[in-house]
Amino acid sequence: MEYLRAACAALIAVVFAVSSVSKLRDFRGFARSVPVLVPMPARWVLPVSVAVVAAEGSTAVLVVVPATATAGFVLASGLLPAFTAAIAASLRRGQRVPCRCFGAADTPVGPRHLARNIVLACLAVLGALAPEHLPPVAGAAVAVAVGVVVAVLVTAMDDIAVVFARSS
């Protein structure tokens, strides 16, 4: 189980770091997308946008430090259902707004984003519940590598979907 925790930590850290940094790279674009995805008064847009980026960045940092990893997993376990609810509400309203999860993109949010977030939330919960013991270095390296590879696939999910859509 300690290998699961290491893999989940790497996965959550990379996904949230990429998400946070990509939003910072185009913060104005991200802030413009927030009220489209979640209708809110204009005065809340900037604080909510800053809070999302800060929470994502904090999650990435917390989860890689052994002493704060559980807090990072818990934060991720709270953020992912919130993001999932926002996407589900948007879909329920019939809106096909672009996903700004990992930077500027034209891909509209859809069911696969819901599934991605639910799986990530489950992995964050598993990471939080896994033993906090540090695994042997060789096994930890493999577990972290697996987590990073899965994270890369998660962050590139929309691009991968476009490739498969074009080939069919």
Protein backbone atom coordinates (compact mmCIF):
# COMPACT_ATOMS: atom_id res chain seq x y z
CA MET A 1 0.00 0.00 0.00
CA GLU A 2 2.92 2.38 0.52
CA TYR A 3 3.66 2.04 -3.18
CA LEU A 4 0.09 3.09 -3.94
CA ARG A 5 0.58 6.18 -1.78
CA ALA A 6 3.79 7.07 -3.62
CA ALA A 7 2.17 6.60 -7.02
CA CYS A 8 -0.91 8.59 -6.00
CA ALA A 9 1.28 11.37 -4.61
CA ALA A 10 3.21 11.64 -7.87
CA LEU A 11 0.00 11.55 -9.92
CA ILE A 12 -1.83 14.16 -7.86
CA ALA A 13 1.25 16.39 -7.58
CA VAL A 14 1.91 16.44 -11.32
CA VAL A 15 -1.75 16.88 -12.30
CA PHE A 16 -2.31 19.74 -9.87
CA ALA A 17 1.04 21.38 -10.63
CA VAL A 18 0.38 21.31 -14.38
CA SER A 19 -3.14 22.62 -13.83
CA SER A 20 -1.99 25.44 -11.56
CA VAL A 21 0.93 26.52 -13.73
CA SER A 22 -1.11 26.41 -16.94
CA LYS A 23 -3.76 28.62 -15.36
CA LEU A 24 -1.08 31.06 -14.20
CA ARG A 25 0.38 31.20 -17.71
CA ASP A 26 -2.96 32.57 -18.97
CA PHE A 27 -4.56 33.79 -15.79
CA ARG A 28 -6.79 36.34 -17.51
CA GLY A 29 -8.11 33.69 -19.87
CA PHE A 30 -8.73 31.34 -16.97
CA ALA A 31 -10.49 34.09 -14.97
CA ARG A 32 -12.72 34.84 -17.98
CA SER A 33 -13.67 31.16 -18.18
CA VAL A 34 -14.66 30.84 -14.52
CA PRO A 35 -18.04 32.65 -14.68
CA VAL A 36 -18.85 30.84 -17.92
CA LEU A 37 -18.42 27.49 -16.19
CA VAL A 38 -19.85 28.59 -12.83
CA PRO A 39 -22.16 31.62 -13.02
CA MET A 40 -21.29 34.08 -10.25
CA PRO A 41 -21.30 37.78 -9.52
CA ALA A 42 -18.49 39.64 -11.28
CA ARG A 43 -16.91 40.69 -7.98
CA TRP A 44 -16.30 37.03 -7.07
CA VAL A 45 -14.51 36.05 -10.28
CA LEU A 46 -11.02 37.25 -9.32
CA PRO A 47 -11.06 35.87 -5.75
CA VAL A 48 -12.43 32.53 -6.92
CA SER A 49 -9.87 32.33 -9.73
CA VAL A 50 -7.00 33.13 -7.36
CA ALA A 51 -8.34 30.63 -4.82
CA VAL A 52 -8.51 27.84 -7.41
CA VAL A 53 -4.96 28.42 -8.60
CA ALA A 54 -3.65 28.73 -5.04
CA ALA A 55 -5.47 25.59 -3.91
CA GLU A 56 -4.18 23.61 -6.86
CA GLY A 57 -0.60 24.79 -6.30
CA SER A 58 -0.87 24.09 -2.58
CA THR A 59 -2.17 20.60 -3.27
CA ALA A 60 0.80 19.85 -5.53
CA VAL A 61 3.27 20.97 -2.87
CA LEU A 62 1.52 19.42 0.13
CA VAL A 63 1.17 15.98 -1.41
CA VAL A 64 4.91 15.56 -2.16
CA VAL A 65 6.09 16.41 1.35
CA PRO A 66 5.69 13.30 3.50
CA ALA A 67 4.70 15.29 6.60
CA THR A 68 1.88 17.08 4.73
CA ALA A 69 0.94 14.47 2.13
CA THR A 70 -2.28 13.47 3.87
CA ALA A 71 -3.37 17.12 3.97
CA GLY A 72 -2.60 17.37 0.25
CA PHE A 73 -4.65 14.27 -0.50
CA VAL A 74 -7.53 15.63 1.59
CA LEU A 75 -7.36 18.97 -0.23
CA ALA A 76 -7.38 17.17 -3.58
CA SER A 77 -10.28 15.04 -2.37
CA GLY A 78 -12.21 18.24 -1.71
CA LEU A 79 -11.25 20.12 -4.86
CA LEU A 80 -11.96 17.36 -7.36
CA PRO A 81 -15.63 16.86 -6.37
CA ALA A 82 -16.08 20.64 -6.49
CA PHE A 83 -14.61 20.78 -9.99
CA THR A 84 -16.74 17.79 -10.97
CA ALA A 85 -19.89 19.49 -9.66
CA ALA A 86 -19.07 22.64 -11.65
CA ILE A 87 -18.61 20.63 -14.84
CA ALA A 88 -21.79 18.62 -14.20
CA ALA A 89 -23.80 21.79 -13.57
CA SER A 90 -22.48 23.29 -16.79
CA LEU A 91 -23.41 20.17 -18.74
CA ARG A 92 -26.85 20.13 -17.12
CA ARG A 93 -27.37 23.73 -18.31
CA GLY A 94 -26.51 22.53 -21.81
CA GLN A 95 -23.33 24.58 -21.99
CA ARG A 96 -20.34 23.23 -23.85
CA VAL A 97 -17.70 25.59 -22.44
CA PRO A 98 -14.01 24.97 -23.12
CA CYS A 99 -12.09 23.00 -20.52
CA ARG A 100 -9.43 25.25 -18.97
CA CYS A 101 -8.25 22.47 -16.69
CA PHE A 102 -4.76 22.43 -18.16
CA GLY A 103 -4.51 25.78 -19.89
CA ALA A 104 -6.14 27.27 -22.96
CA ALA A 105 -8.06 24.66 -24.89
CA ASP A 106 -10.93 24.54 -27.32
CA THR A 107 -12.15 21.15 -26.13
CA PRO A 108 -15.50 21.58 -24.40
CA VAL A 109 -16.08 19.97 -21.04
CA GLY A 110 -17.88 16.67 -21.26
CA PRO A 111 -18.52 13.34 -19.58
CA ARG A 112 -14.87 12.27 -19.87
CA HIS A 113 -13.88 15.23 -17.69
CA LEU A 114 -16.37 14.07 -15.09
CA ALA A 115 -14.96 10.54 -15.24
CA ARG A 116 -11.38 11.86 -15.02
CA ASN A 117 -12.16 13.91 -11.93
CA ILE A 118 -14.02 11.07 -10.23
CA VAL A 119 -11.10 8.69 -10.82
CA LEU A 120 -8.61 11.28 -9.57
CA ALA A 121 -10.75 11.91 -6.48
CA CYS A 122 -10.85 8.17 -5.76
CA LEU A 123 -7.06 7.97 -6.12
CA ALA A 124 -6.65 10.98 -3.81
CA VAL A 125 -8.80 9.23 -1.20
CA LEU A 126 -6.79 6.02 -1.62
CA GLY A 127 -3.58 8.01 -1.22
CA ALA A 128 -4.88 9.59 1.97
CA LEU A 129 -5.90 6.22 3.39
CA ALA A 130 -2.70 4.37 2.43
CA PRO A 131 -0.05 3.82 5.10
CA GLU A 132 2.36 6.69 5.57
CA HIS A 133 5.41 4.42 5.67
CA LEU A 134 8.09 5.25 3.17
CA PRO A 135 8.64 2.32 0.78
CA PRO A 136 12.09 1.04 -0.23
CA VAL A 137 13.78 3.43 -2.65
CA ALA A 138 13.72 1.17 -5.71
CA GLY A 139 10.04 0.39 -5.34
CA ALA A 140 9.23 4.01 -4.59
CA ALA A 141 11.02 5.09 -7.75
CA VAL A 142 8.93 2.71 -9.83
CA ALA A 143 5.73 3.82 -8.11
CA VAL A 144 6.54 7.49 -8.63
CA ALA A 145 7.39 6.83 -12.28
CA VAL A 146 4.04 5.11 -12.78
CA GLY A 147 2.27 8.04 -11.12
CA VAL A 148 4.06 10.56 -13.33
CA VAL A 149 3.29 8.62 -16.53
CA VAL A 150 -0.39 8.37 -15.61
CA ALA A 151 -0.38 12.09 -14.77
CA VAL A 152 1.05 12.94 -18.17
CA LEU A 153 -1.68 10.86 -19.81
CA VAL A 154 -4.33 12.60 -17.68
CA THR A 155 -3.07 16.08 -18.54
CA ALA A 156 -2.90 15.17 -22.23
CA MET A 157 -6.30 13.44 -22.22
CA ASP A 158 -8.00 16.01 -24.45
CA ASP A 159 -5.18 15.90 -27.01
CA ILE A 160 -5.23 12.10 -27.01
CA ALA A 161 -9.00 12.14 -27.52
CA VAL A 162 -8.62 14.45 -30.52
CA VAL A 163 -6.08 12.10 -32.10
CA PHE A 164 -8.37 9.11 -31.67
CA ALA A 165 -11.39 11.09 -32.95
CA ARG A 166 -9.51 12.04 -36.12
CA SER A 167 -8.35 8.49 -36.77
CA SER A 168 -11.85 7.01 -36.57
